[in-house]
Amino acid sequence: MNAVLDFIQNQILAMHWLNTLVGRLLEALGLDLANRWVGSLQFFFFDTVKIFILLCTLIFIISYIQSFFPPERAKRTLSRFHGIWANTAAALLGTVTPFCSCSSIPLFIGFTGAGLPVGVTFSFLISSPMVDLGSLVVISSIFGAKIAGLYVLCGLVIAVLGGLLIEKLHMERYLEDIVVKTRLADVAEQKLTVRERVSFAASAMAETFKKVFPYVLAGVAIGAVIHNWIPEEWVVAVLGSKNPFGVVLATLTGVPMYADIFGTIPVAEALFDKGARLGSVIAFMMAVTTLSLPSLMMLRRAVKPKLLALFTVICTVGIIVIGYLFNALQGVL
């Protein structure tokens, strides 16, 4: 059983065979893998191909699943739950929705305008970019299944607790008019055939691929630079165990950036390989995918400053706490 799990982790998820193949191709061209430039090329080509294979496969599967949950049906499903169960259902629904916060905000507006409690919709908004099914598989390919599972669990906890807090504080008065006046169209739900669902999934895959393509390339390029050109002692000094503020710095560094999990993974992988603490890497990934400035600017159109500030504080504090938790468990995971 262990041999099977190792094969799945190393050869299917991590694709070590692909890294070996890229290295042999570069050597066949007469290039020295010990050279920094060649090492950067190997990292770039390997990670780009690996991420795009995972990207296309996961988007297709998740989009196929998503075809069963149009917005109106999702709203009806969430309406059946109350209290913490409603927040939990919303957070879980976020795992099968788009990969970045900017594409989750229109759904958040629709759900809130349809009459769902604001705390429930914020649970959805937090979980959607942070803990989608894609993150589970992609993080497993780099850090292993245990770390990926804990990552998703922690993200769901932030989403549920954050939504509950917003609900308890009665923050619905801080919604902008665009949200209050928005209504989901109550149309008859279509029963799609398998062929139509496959077509929907293929179209969603192509559309998402176009959106994230430049961010993946940028992320892999940055990762290649970190992996082969940034001295290890620099990374260790800033994000290593000797810096008690490494998690905080990683979180604050991630906020100005904009990427989804696929563009963030190469940077996180390179930082981890250079000696960054696991918690700092996890905090960086969560901050980039959840609290990017573009998504906060878009969310500002839907909520007033006080609610936006509360959302930002909840996510930031939650990410920092989770980062230190991962640091404490690094030797165990």
C-alpha atoms as a PDB file:
ATOM      1  CA  MET A   1       0.000   0.000   0.000  1.00  0.00           C
ATOM      2  CA  ASN A   2       2.806   2.439   0.879  1.00  0.00           C
ATOM      3  CA  ALA A   3       4.450   1.731  -2.469  1.00  0.00           C
ATOM      4  CA  VAL A   4       1.205   2.564  -4.268  1.00  0.00           C
ATOM      5  CA  LEU A   5       0.761   5.806  -2.302  1.00  0.00           C
ATOM      6  CA  ASP A   6       4.379   6.792  -2.967  1.00  0.00           C
ATOM      7  CA  PHE A   7       3.878   6.135  -6.686  1.00  0.00           C
ATOM      8  CA  ILE A   8       0.751   8.304  -6.739  1.00  0.00           C
ATOM      9  CA  GLN A   9       2.498  11.094  -4.825  1.00  0.00           C
ATOM     10  CA  ASN A  10       5.823  11.058  -6.692  1.00  0.00           C
ATOM     11  CA  GLN A  11       4.943  10.005 -10.220  1.00  0.00           C
ATOM     12  CA  ILE A  12       1.308  11.071 -10.746  1.00  0.00           C
ATOM     13  CA  LEU A  13       0.988  14.208  -8.617  1.00  0.00           C
ATOM     14  CA  ALA A  14       4.583  15.449  -8.353  1.00  0.00           C
ATOM     15  CA  MET A  15       5.467  14.076 -11.826  1.00  0.00           C
ATOM     16  CA  HIS A  16       9.106  13.305 -11.015  1.00  0.00           C
ATOM     17  CA  TRP A  17       9.262  11.413 -14.313  1.00  0.00           C
ATOM     18  CA  LEU A  18       8.591  14.674 -16.143  1.00  0.00           C
ATOM     19  CA  ASN A  19      11.428  16.466 -14.346  1.00  0.00           C
ATOM     20  CA  THR A  20      13.779  13.614 -15.280  1.00  0.00           C
ATOM     21  CA  LEU A  21      12.593  13.759 -18.896  1.00  0.00           C
ATOM     22  CA  VAL A  22      13.148  17.520 -19.140  1.00  0.00           C
ATOM     23  CA  GLY A  23      16.642  17.104 -17.647  1.00  0.00           C
ATOM     24  CA  ARG A  24      17.561  14.395 -20.148  1.00  0.00           C
ATOM     25  CA  LEU A  25      16.303  16.489 -23.052  1.00  0.00           C
ATOM     26  CA  LEU A  26      18.436  19.426 -21.930  1.00  0.00           C
ATOM     27  CA  GLU A  27      21.457  17.132 -21.546  1.00  0.00           C
ATOM     28  CA  ALA A  28      20.803  15.728 -25.033  1.00  0.00           C
ATOM     29  CA  LEU A  29      21.139  19.291 -26.306  1.00  0.00           C
ATOM     30  CA  GLY A  30      24.604  19.424 -24.736  1.00  0.00           C
ATOM     31  CA  LEU A  31      23.611  21.608 -21.786  1.00  0.00           C
ATOM     32  CA  ASP A  32      25.069  21.242 -18.300  1.00  0.00           C
ATOM     33  CA  LEU A  33      22.365  20.864 -15.655  1.00  0.00           C
ATOM     34  CA  ALA A  34      24.767  22.186 -13.013  1.00  0.00           C
ATOM     35  CA  ASN A  35      24.757  25.563 -14.759  1.00  0.00           C
ATOM     36  CA  ARG A  36      22.405  28.077 -13.120  1.00  0.00           C
ATOM     37  CA  TRP A  37      20.853  29.177 -16.405  1.00  0.00           C
ATOM     38  CA  VAL A  38      20.215  25.583 -17.437  1.00  0.00           C
ATOM     39  CA  GLY A  39      18.845  24.778 -13.976  1.00  0.00           C
ATOM     40  CA  SER A  40      16.461  27.707 -14.330  1.00  0.00           C
ATOM     41  CA  LEU A  41      15.348  26.417 -17.740  1.00  0.00           C
ATOM     42  CA  GLN A  42      14.727  22.949 -16.298  1.00  0.00           C
ATOM     43  CA  PHE A  43      12.672  24.370 -13.432  1.00  0.00           C
ATOM     44  CA  PHE A  44      10.704  26.612 -15.806  1.00  0.00           C
ATOM     45  CA  PHE A  45       9.850  23.956 -18.383  1.00  0.00           C
ATOM     46  CA  PHE A  46       9.106  21.245 -15.812  1.00  0.00           C
ATOM     47  CA  ASP A  47       6.887  23.356 -13.573  1.00  0.00           C
ATOM     48  CA  THR A  48       5.086  25.005 -16.501  1.00  0.00           C
ATOM     49  CA  VAL A  49       4.169  21.710 -18.146  1.00  0.00           C
ATOM     50  CA  LYS A  50       3.289  20.045 -14.831  1.00  0.00           C
ATOM     51  CA  ILE A  51       1.043  22.873 -13.686  1.00  0.00           C
ATOM     52  CA  PHE A  52      -0.727  23.138 -17.026  1.00  0.00           C
ATOM     53  CA  ILE A  53      -1.423  19.386 -17.033  1.00  0.00           C
ATOM     54  CA  LEU A  54      -2.880  19.630 -13.526  1.00  0.00           C
ATOM     55  CA  LEU A  55      -4.629  22.903 -14.373  1.00  0.00           C
ATOM     56  CA  CYS A  56      -6.488  21.588 -17.417  1.00  0.00           C
ATOM     57  CA  THR A  57      -7.383  18.275 -15.773  1.00  0.00           C
ATOM     58  CA  LEU A  58      -8.673  19.852 -12.569  1.00  0.00           C
ATOM     59  CA  ILE A  59     -10.593  22.678 -14.224  1.00  0.00           C
ATOM     60  CA  PHE A  60     -12.350  20.205 -16.493  1.00  0.00           C
ATOM     61  CA  ILE A  61     -13.333  17.915 -13.600  1.00  0.00           C
ATOM     62  CA  ILE A  62     -14.401  20.741 -11.290  1.00  0.00           C
ATOM     63  CA  SER A  63     -16.322  22.528 -14.055  1.00  0.00           C
ATOM     64  CA  TYR A  64     -18.162  19.304 -14.840  1.00  0.00           C
ATOM     65  CA  ILE A  65     -19.133  19.042 -11.159  1.00  0.00           C
ATOM     66  CA  GLN A  66     -20.057  22.725 -11.142  1.00  0.00           C
ATOM     67  CA  SER A  67     -22.495  22.155 -14.026  1.00  0.00           C
ATOM     68  CA  PHE A  68     -24.765  20.474 -11.464  1.00  0.00           C
ATOM     69  CA  PHE A  69     -24.813  23.629  -9.285  1.00  0.00           C
ATOM     70  CA  PRO A  70     -26.041  26.691 -11.215  1.00  0.00           C
ATOM     71  CA  PRO A  71     -26.418  29.826  -9.029  1.00  0.00           C
ATOM     72  CA  GLU A  72     -30.174  29.434  -8.510  1.00  0.00           C
ATOM     73  CA  ARG A  73     -29.830  25.799  -7.442  1.00  0.00           C
ATOM     74  CA  ALA A  74     -26.903  26.682  -5.169  1.00  0.00           C
ATOM     75  CA  LYS A  75     -29.010  29.394  -3.542  1.00  0.00           C
ATOM     76  CA  ARG A  76     -31.867  26.960  -2.923  1.00  0.00           C
ATOM     77  CA  THR A  77     -29.435  24.428  -1.449  1.00  0.00           C
ATOM     78  CA  LEU A  78     -27.889  26.951   0.924  1.00  0.00           C
ATOM     79  CA  SER A  79     -31.342  28.181   1.998  1.00  0.00           C
ATOM     80  CA  ARG A  80     -32.061  24.779   3.543  1.00  0.00           C
ATOM     81  CA  PHE A  81     -29.343  25.209   6.180  1.00  0.00           C
ATOM     82  CA  HIS A  82     -29.266  27.451   9.237  1.00  0.00           C
ATOM     83  CA  GLY A  83     -26.672  28.676  11.728  1.00  0.00           C
ATOM     84  CA  ILE A  84     -23.197  27.189  11.548  1.00  0.00           C
ATOM     85  CA  TRP A  85     -24.436  24.514   9.133  1.00  0.00           C
ATOM     86  CA  ALA A  86     -25.314  27.201   6.601  1.00  0.00           C
ATOM     87  CA  ASN A  87     -21.812  28.676   6.875  1.00  0.00           C
ATOM     88  CA  THR A  88     -20.289  25.223   6.547  1.00  0.00           C
ATOM     89  CA  ALA A  89     -22.397  24.441   3.467  1.00  0.00           C
ATOM     90  CA  ALA A  90     -21.404  27.778   1.892  1.00  0.00           C
ATOM     91  CA  ALA A  91     -17.718  27.161   2.611  1.00  0.00           C
ATOM     92  CA  LEU A  92     -17.941  23.678   1.073  1.00  0.00           C
ATOM     93  CA  LEU A  93     -19.755  25.090  -1.964  1.00  0.00           C
ATOM     94  CA  GLY A  94     -16.827  27.458  -2.399  1.00  0.00           C
ATOM     95  CA  THR A  95     -14.557  24.482  -3.047  1.00  0.00           C
ATOM     96  CA  VAL A  96     -16.262  23.747  -6.377  1.00  0.00           C
ATOM     97  CA  THR A  97     -16.411  27.300  -7.679  1.00  0.00           C
ATOM     98  CA  PRO A  98     -13.888  29.478  -9.595  1.00  0.00           C
ATOM     99  CA  PHE A  99     -10.221  29.553  -8.698  1.00  0.00           C
ATOM    100  CA  CYS A 100      -9.661  33.208  -7.870  1.00  0.00           C
ATOM    101  CA  SER A 101     -11.351  35.735  -5.607  1.00  0.00           C
ATOM    102  CA  CYS A 102     -12.204  38.116  -8.463  1.00  0.00           C
ATOM    103  CA  SER A 103     -14.376  35.512 -10.173  1.00  0.00           C
ATOM    104  CA  SER A 104     -16.062  34.593  -6.863  1.00  0.00           C
ATOM    105  CA  ILE A 105     -17.242  38.139  -6.100  1.00  0.00           C
ATOM    106  CA  PRO A 106     -20.036  38.224  -8.747  1.00  0.00           C
ATOM    107  CA  LEU A 107     -21.471  35.011  -7.258  1.00  0.00           C
ATOM    108  CA  PHE A 108     -21.180  36.531  -3.771  1.00  0.00           C
ATOM    109  CA  ILE A 109     -23.176  39.560  -4.987  1.00  0.00           C
ATOM    110  CA  GLY A 110     -25.830  37.330  -6.524  1.00  0.00           C
ATOM    111  CA  PHE A 111     -26.193  35.133  -3.436  1.00  0.00           C
ATOM    112  CA  THR A 112     -26.377  38.120  -1.082  1.00  0.00           C
ATOM    113  CA  GLY A 113     -28.841  39.955  -3.288  1.00  0.00           C
ATOM    114  CA  ALA A 114     -30.974  36.806  -3.417  1.00  0.00           C
ATOM    115  CA  GLY A 115     -31.541  37.075   0.313  1.00  0.00           C
ATOM    116  CA  LEU A 116     -28.965  34.713   1.810  1.00  0.00           C
ATOM    117  CA  PRO A 117     -27.498  35.949   5.130  1.00  0.00           C
ATOM    118  CA  VAL A 118     -24.408  38.063   4.644  1.00  0.00           C
ATOM    119  CA  GLY A 119     -22.371  35.862   6.986  1.00  0.00           C
ATOM    120  CA  VAL A 120     -23.188  32.788   4.915  1.00  0.00           C
ATOM    121  CA  THR A 121     -22.196  34.473   1.662  1.00  0.00           C
ATOM    122  CA  PHE A 122     -18.922  35.650   3.206  1.00  0.00           C
ATOM    123  CA  SER A 123     -18.129  32.065   4.195  1.00  0.00           C
ATOM    124  CA  PHE A 124     -18.495  31.275   0.498  1.00  0.00           C
ATOM    125  CA  LEU A 125     -16.404  34.282  -0.532  1.00  0.00           C
ATOM    126  CA  ILE A 126     -13.519  33.332   1.769  1.00  0.00           C
ATOM    127  CA  SER A 127     -13.398  29.648   0.895  1.00  0.00           C
ATOM    128  CA  SER A 128     -13.843  29.923  -2.866  1.00  0.00           C
ATOM    129  CA  PRO A 129     -10.352  31.198  -3.764  1.00  0.00           C
ATOM    130  CA  MET A 130      -8.583  29.769  -0.728  1.00  0.00           C
ATOM    131  CA  VAL A 131      -9.580  26.109  -0.597  1.00  0.00           C
ATOM    132  CA  ASP A 132     -10.932  24.930  -3.952  1.00  0.00           C
ATOM    133  CA  LEU A 133     -10.482  21.303  -4.960  1.00  0.00           C
ATOM    134  CA  GLY A 134      -7.655  22.356  -7.242  1.00  0.00           C
ATOM    135  CA  SER A 135      -5.610  23.539  -4.272  1.00  0.00           C
ATOM    136  CA  LEU A 136      -5.980  20.126  -2.623  1.00  0.00           C
ATOM    137  CA  VAL A 137      -4.483  18.301  -5.607  1.00  0.00           C
ATOM    138  CA  VAL A 138      -1.833  20.869  -6.537  1.00  0.00           C
ATOM    139  CA  ILE A 139      -0.566  21.306  -2.968  1.00  0.00           C
ATOM    140  CA  SER A 140      -0.504  17.506  -2.638  1.00  0.00           C
ATOM    141  CA  SER A 141       1.788  17.383  -5.663  1.00  0.00           C
ATOM    142  CA  ILE A 142       4.314  19.614  -3.892  1.00  0.00           C
ATOM    143  CA  PHE A 143       3.971  19.107  -0.151  1.00  0.00           C
ATOM    144  CA  GLY A 144       2.105  15.818   0.196  1.00  0.00           C
ATOM    145  CA  ALA A 145      -1.445  14.782   1.048  1.00  0.00           C
ATOM    146  CA  LYS A 146      -1.258  15.478   4.812  1.00  0.00           C
ATOM    147  CA  ILE A 147      -0.218  19.094   4.356  1.00  0.00           C
ATOM    148  CA  ALA A 148      -2.767  19.623   1.568  1.00  0.00           C
ATOM    149  CA  GLY A 149      -5.567  18.166   3.660  1.00  0.00           C
ATOM    150  CA  LEU A 150      -4.691  20.342   6.652  1.00  0.00           C
ATOM    151  CA  TYR A 151      -4.441  23.384   4.352  1.00  0.00           C
ATOM    152  CA  VAL A 152      -7.985  22.831   3.094  1.00  0.00           C
ATOM    153  CA  LEU A 153      -9.329  22.116   6.590  1.00  0.00           C
ATOM    154  CA  CYS A 154      -7.790  25.302   7.999  1.00  0.00           C
ATOM    155  CA  GLY A 155      -9.132  27.344   5.100  1.00  0.00           C
ATOM    156  CA  LEU A 156     -12.630  26.018   5.710  1.00  0.00           C
ATOM    157  CA  VAL A 157     -12.327  26.881   9.417  1.00  0.00           C
ATOM    158  CA  ILE A 158     -11.395  30.483   8.542  1.00  0.00           C
ATOM    159  CA  ALA A 159     -14.347  30.678   6.148  1.00  0.00           C
ATOM    160  CA  VAL A 160     -16.877  29.303   8.635  1.00  0.00           C
ATOM    161  CA  LEU A 161     -15.684  31.310  11.653  1.00  0.00           C
ATOM    162  CA  GLY A 162     -15.258  34.488   9.607  1.00  0.00           C
ATOM    163  CA  GLY A 163     -18.778  34.209   8.225  1.00  0.00           C
ATOM    164  CA  LEU A 164     -20.214  33.549  11.692  1.00  0.00           C
ATOM    165  CA  LEU A 165     -18.470  36.623  13.108  1.00  0.00           C
ATOM    166  CA  ILE A 166     -19.758  38.845  10.302  1.00  0.00           C
ATOM    167  CA  GLU A 167     -23.260  37.472  10.892  1.00  0.00           C
ATOM    168  CA  LYS A 168     -23.098  38.078  14.677  1.00  0.00           C
ATOM    169  CA  LEU A 169     -22.011  41.692  14.114  1.00  0.00           C
ATOM    170  CA  HIS A 170     -24.994  42.310  11.783  1.00  0.00           C
ATOM    171  CA  MET A 171     -22.817  43.726   9.013  1.00  0.00           C
ATOM    172  CA  GLU A 172     -25.548  43.587   6.351  1.00  0.00           C
ATOM    173  CA  ARG A 173     -26.036  47.339   6.794  1.00  0.00           C
ATOM    174  CA  TYR A 174     -22.613  47.838   5.229  1.00  0.00           C
ATOM    175  CA  LEU A 175     -23.566  46.341   1.861  1.00  0.00           C
ATOM    176  CA  GLU A 176     -23.574  48.669  -1.128  1.00  0.00           C
ATOM    177  CA  ASP A 177     -26.766  49.265  -3.127  1.00  0.00           C
ATOM    178  CA  ILE A 178     -25.460  47.191  -6.049  1.00  0.00           C
ATOM    179  CA  VAL A 179     -25.684  44.129  -3.792  1.00  0.00           C
ATOM    180  CA  VAL A 180     -29.000  44.949  -2.166  1.00  0.00           C
ATOM    181  CA  LYS A 181     -30.688  45.538  -5.537  1.00  0.00           C
ATOM    182  CA  THR A 182     -29.205  42.505  -7.296  1.00  0.00           C
ATOM    183  CA  ARG A 183     -31.456  39.491  -7.762  1.00  0.00           C
ATOM    184  CA  LEU A 184     -30.716  36.102  -9.244  1.00  0.00           C
ATOM    185  CA  ALA A 185     -32.935  35.326 -12.172  1.00  0.00           C
ATOM    186  CA  ASP A 186     -35.462  32.693 -11.121  1.00  0.00           C
ATOM    187  CA  VAL A 187     -35.438  30.635 -14.291  1.00  0.00           C
ATOM    188  CA  ALA A 188     -36.362  27.034 -14.875  1.00  0.00           C
ATOM    189  CA  GLU A 189     -33.391  24.797 -14.239  1.00  0.00           C
ATOM    190  CA  GLN A 190     -32.217  22.986 -17.358  1.00  0.00           C
ATOM    191  CA  LYS A 191     -31.400  19.318 -17.288  1.00  0.00           C
ATOM    192  CA  LEU A 192     -28.147  19.010 -19.199  1.00  0.00           C
ATOM    193  CA  THR A 193     -27.071  15.887 -20.995  1.00  0.00           C
ATOM    194  CA  VAL A 194     -23.676  14.351 -20.374  1.00  0.00           C
ATOM    195  CA  ARG A 195     -22.490  15.736 -23.708  1.00  0.00           C
ATOM    196  CA  GLU A 196     -23.647  19.242 -22.760  1.00  0.00           C
ATOM    197  CA  ARG A 197     -21.899  19.000 -19.401  1.00  0.00           C
ATOM    198  CA  VAL A 198     -18.697  17.893 -21.111  1.00  0.00           C
ATOM    199  CA  SER A 199     -19.004  20.815 -23.519  1.00  0.00           C
ATOM    200  CA  PHE A 200     -19.577  23.204 -20.581  1.00  0.00           C
ATOM    201  CA  ALA A 201     -16.540  21.808 -18.758  1.00  0.00           C
ATOM    202  CA  ALA A 202     -14.349  22.083 -21.872  1.00  0.00           C
ATOM    203  CA  SER A 203     -15.406  25.696 -22.445  1.00  0.00           C
ATOM    204  CA  ALA A 204     -14.793  26.592 -18.793  1.00  0.00           C
ATOM    205  CA  MET A 205     -11.386  24.930 -18.978  1.00  0.00           C
ATOM    206  CA  ALA A 206     -10.401  26.943 -22.062  1.00  0.00           C
ATOM    207  CA  GLU A 207     -11.693  30.204 -20.596  1.00  0.00           C
ATOM    208  CA  THR A 208      -9.963  29.721 -17.240  1.00  0.00           C
ATOM    209  CA  PHE A 209      -6.755  28.617 -18.960  1.00  0.00           C
ATOM    210  CA  LYS A 210      -6.650  31.887 -20.908  1.00  0.00           C
ATOM    211  CA  LYS A 211      -7.177  33.900 -17.721  1.00  0.00           C
ATOM    212  CA  VAL A 212      -4.541  32.197 -15.581  1.00  0.00           C
ATOM    213  CA  PHE A 213      -1.956  31.502 -18.319  1.00  0.00           C
ATOM    214  CA  PRO A 214       0.090  34.696 -17.802  1.00  0.00           C
ATOM    215  CA  TYR A 215       0.008  34.363 -14.009  1.00  0.00           C
ATOM    216  CA  VAL A 216       1.266  30.789 -14.153  1.00  0.00           C
ATOM    217  CA  LEU A 217       4.138  31.795 -16.440  1.00  0.00           C
ATOM    218  CA  ALA A 218       4.994  34.715 -14.162  1.00  0.00           C
ATOM    219  CA  GLY A 219       4.836  32.514 -11.071  1.00  0.00           C
ATOM    220  CA  VAL A 220       7.049  29.829 -12.614  1.00  0.00           C
ATOM    221  CA  ALA A 221       9.553  32.467 -13.783  1.00  0.00           C
ATOM    222  CA  ILE A 222       9.751  33.959 -10.280  1.00  0.00           C
ATOM    223  CA  GLY A 223      10.090  30.470  -8.826  1.00  0.00           C
ATOM    224  CA  ALA A 224      12.931  29.679 -11.236  1.00  0.00           C
ATOM    225  CA  VAL A 225      14.783  32.813 -10.172  1.00  0.00           C
ATOM    226  CA  ILE A 226      14.324  32.021  -6.467  1.00  0.00           C
ATOM    227  CA  HIS A 227      15.269  28.371  -6.983  1.00  0.00           C
ATOM    228  CA  ASN A 228      18.526  29.020  -8.833  1.00  0.00           C
ATOM    229  CA  TRP A 229      19.642  32.590  -8.149  1.00  0.00           C
ATOM    230  CA  ILE A 230      18.535  33.723  -4.672  1.00  0.00           C
ATOM    231  CA  PRO A 231      21.034  32.627  -1.993  1.00  0.00           C
ATOM    232  CA  GLU A 232      19.554  30.147   0.441  1.00  0.00           C
ATOM    233  CA  GLU A 233      20.752  32.116   3.443  1.00  0.00           C
ATOM    234  CA  TRP A 234      18.670  35.112   2.324  1.00  0.00           C
ATOM    235  CA  VAL A 235      15.457  33.105   2.288  1.00  0.00           C
ATOM    236  CA  VAL A 236      16.297  31.425   5.591  1.00  0.00           C
ATOM    237  CA  ALA A 237      17.064  34.794   7.206  1.00  0.00           C
ATOM    238  CA  VAL A 238      13.709  36.281   6.193  1.00  0.00           C
ATOM    239  CA  LEU A 239      11.352  33.279   6.264  1.00  0.00           C
ATOM    240  CA  GLY A 240      13.312  30.687   8.224  1.00  0.00           C
ATOM    241  CA  SER A 241      12.937  29.452  11.782  1.00  0.00           C
ATOM    242  CA  LYS A 242      15.175  32.147  13.254  1.00  0.00           C
ATOM    243  CA  ASN A 243      12.805  34.933  12.243  1.00  0.00           C
ATOM    244  CA  PRO A 244       9.711  34.855  14.495  1.00  0.00           C
ATOM    245  CA  PHE A 245       7.960  37.312  12.174  1.00  0.00           C
ATOM    246  CA  GLY A 246       8.443  35.223   9.027  1.00  0.00           C
ATOM    247  CA  VAL A 247       4.747  34.298   8.812  1.00  0.00           C
ATOM    248  CA  VAL A 248       3.676  37.926   9.175  1.00  0.00           C
ATOM    249  CA  LEU A 249       6.149  39.065   6.505  1.00  0.00           C
ATOM    250  CA  ALA A 250       5.027  36.308   4.144  1.00  0.00           C
ATOM    251  CA  THR A 251       1.373  37.285   4.617  1.00  0.00           C
ATOM    252  CA  LEU A 252       2.005  40.988   4.020  1.00  0.00           C
ATOM    253  CA  THR A 253       4.171  40.186   0.986  1.00  0.00           C
ATOM    254  CA  GLY A 254       1.412  38.108  -0.567  1.00  0.00           C
ATOM    255  CA  VAL A 255      -1.325  40.741  -0.317  1.00  0.00           C
ATOM    256  CA  PRO A 256      -0.155  43.088  -3.148  1.00  0.00           C
ATOM    257  CA  MET A 257       0.237  40.168  -5.555  1.00  0.00           C
ATOM    258  CA  TYR A 258      -2.532  38.752  -7.726  1.00  0.00           C
ATOM    259  CA  ALA A 259      -2.602  35.102  -8.753  1.00  0.00           C
ATOM    260  CA  ASP A 260      -4.568  31.954  -8.197  1.00  0.00           C
ATOM    261  CA  ILE A 261      -3.255  28.783  -6.589  1.00  0.00           C
ATOM    262  CA  PHE A 262      -1.652  27.643  -9.842  1.00  0.00           C
ATOM    263  CA  GLY A 263       0.441  30.785 -10.200  1.00  0.00           C
ATOM    264  CA  THR A 264       1.384  30.810  -6.527  1.00  0.00           C
ATOM    265  CA  ILE A 265       2.568  27.210  -6.192  1.00  0.00           C
ATOM    266  CA  PRO A 266       5.890  27.594  -8.128  1.00  0.00           C
ATOM    267  CA  VAL A 267       6.933  30.542  -5.949  1.00  0.00           C
ATOM    268  CA  ALA A 268       5.954  28.686  -2.765  1.00  0.00           C
ATOM    269  CA  GLU A 269       7.776  25.556  -3.906  1.00  0.00           C
ATOM    270  CA  ALA A 270      10.971  27.491  -4.611  1.00  0.00           C
ATOM    271  CA  LEU A 271      10.820  29.299  -1.245  1.00  0.00           C
ATOM    272  CA  PHE A 272      10.285  26.023   0.589  1.00  0.00           C
ATOM    273  CA  ASP A 273      13.191  24.346  -1.209  1.00  0.00           C
ATOM    274  CA  LYS A 274      15.400  27.286  -0.230  1.00  0.00           C
ATOM    275  CA  GLY A 275      14.683  26.870   3.481  1.00  0.00           C
ATOM    276  CA  ALA A 276      11.536  28.898   4.150  1.00  0.00           C
ATOM    277  CA  ARG A 277       9.406  27.550   6.989  1.00  0.00           C
ATOM    278  CA  LEU A 278       6.287  25.657   5.961  1.00  0.00           C
ATOM    279  CA  GLY A 279       3.997  28.066   7.811  1.00  0.00           C
ATOM    280  CA  SER A 280       5.470  31.070   6.009  1.00  0.00           C
ATOM    281  CA  VAL A 281       4.953  29.383   2.645  1.00  0.00           C
ATOM    282  CA  ILE A 282       1.345  28.433   3.491  1.00  0.00           C
ATOM    283  CA  ALA A 283       0.600  31.967   4.726  1.00  0.00           C
ATOM    284  CA  PHE A 284       2.055  33.419   1.530  1.00  0.00           C
ATOM    285  CA  MET A 285      -0.138  31.196  -0.664  1.00  0.00           C
ATOM    286  CA  MET A 286      -3.297  31.974   1.306  1.00  0.00           C
ATOM    287  CA  ALA A 287      -2.635  35.730   1.269  1.00  0.00           C
ATOM    288  CA  VAL A 288      -2.027  35.842  -2.482  1.00  0.00           C
ATOM    289  CA  THR A 289      -5.145  33.873  -3.368  1.00  0.00           C
ATOM    290  CA  THR A 290      -7.496  35.494  -0.830  1.00  0.00           C
ATOM    291  CA  LEU A 291      -6.348  39.073  -0.171  1.00  0.00           C
ATOM    292  CA  SER A 292      -4.895  40.373  -3.428  1.00  0.00           C
ATOM    293  CA  LEU A 293      -5.347  44.116  -3.983  1.00  0.00           C
ATOM    294  CA  PRO A 294      -7.322  43.685  -7.242  1.00  0.00           C
ATOM    295  CA  SER A 295      -9.886  41.461  -5.525  1.00  0.00           C
ATOM    296  CA  LEU A 296     -10.169  43.850  -2.561  1.00  0.00           C
ATOM    297  CA  MET A 297     -10.745  46.753  -4.977  1.00  0.00           C
ATOM    298  CA  MET A 298     -13.495  44.791  -6.715  1.00  0.00           C
ATOM    299  CA  LEU A 299     -15.056  43.787  -3.397  1.00  0.00           C
ATOM    300  CA  ARG A 300     -15.100  47.459  -2.370  1.00  0.00           C
ATOM    301  CA  ARG A 301     -17.737  48.028  -5.057  1.00  0.00           C
ATOM    302  CA  ALA A 302     -20.003  45.577  -3.235  1.00  0.00           C
ATOM    303  CA  VAL A 303     -19.372  46.432   0.436  1.00  0.00           C
ATOM    304  CA  LYS A 304     -18.670  49.552   2.431  1.00  0.00           C
ATOM    305  CA  PRO A 305     -15.260  50.274   3.991  1.00  0.00           C
ATOM    306  CA  LYS A 306     -16.105  48.947   7.474  1.00  0.00           C
ATOM    307  CA  LEU A 307     -17.196  45.556   6.145  1.00  0.00           C
ATOM    308  CA  LEU A 308     -14.234  45.429   3.762  1.00  0.00           C
ATOM    309  CA  ALA A 309     -11.873  46.200   6.652  1.00  0.00           C
ATOM    310  CA  LEU A 310     -13.473  43.494   8.818  1.00  0.00           C
ATOM    311  CA  PHE A 311     -13.175  40.945   5.992  1.00  0.00           C
ATOM    312  CA  THR A 312      -9.497  41.856   5.531  1.00  0.00           C
ATOM    313  CA  VAL A 313      -8.740  41.625   9.262  1.00  0.00           C
ATOM    314  CA  ILE A 314     -10.508  38.268   9.615  1.00  0.00           C
ATOM    315  CA  CYS A 315      -8.599  36.755   6.704  1.00  0.00           C
ATOM    316  CA  THR A 316      -5.250  38.270   7.694  1.00  0.00           C
ATOM    317  CA  VAL A 317      -5.436  37.181  11.335  1.00  0.00           C
ATOM    318  CA  GLY A 318      -6.698  33.742  10.336  1.00  0.00           C
ATOM    319  CA  ILE A 319      -3.891  33.273   7.801  1.00  0.00           C
ATOM    320  CA  ILE A 320      -1.224  34.339  10.301  1.00  0.00           C
ATOM    321  CA  VAL A 321      -2.580  31.977  12.981  1.00  0.00           C
ATOM    322  CA  ILE A 322      -2.633  29.110  10.482  1.00  0.00           C
ATOM    323  CA  GLY A 323       0.903  29.955   9.384  1.00  0.00           C
ATOM    324  CA  TYR A 324       2.226  29.628  12.923  1.00  0.00           C
ATOM    325  CA  LEU A 325       0.216  26.409  13.358  1.00  0.00           C
ATOM    326  CA  PHE A 326       1.927  24.906  10.319  1.00  0.00           C
ATOM    327  CA  ASN A 327       5.308  26.012  11.665  1.00  0.00           C
ATOM    328  CA  ALA A 328       4.588  24.247  14.954  1.00  0.00           C
ATOM    329  CA  LEU A 329       3.534  21.069  13.127  1.00  0.00           C
ATOM    330  CA  GLN A 330       6.244  21.091  10.463  1.00  0.00           C
ATOM    331  CA  GLY A 331       8.243  18.332  12.097  1.00  0.00           C
ATOM    332  CA  VAL A 332       5.153  16.143  12.451  1.00  0.00           C
ATOM    333  CA  LEU A 333       3.578  16.527   9.011  1.00  0.00           C
END
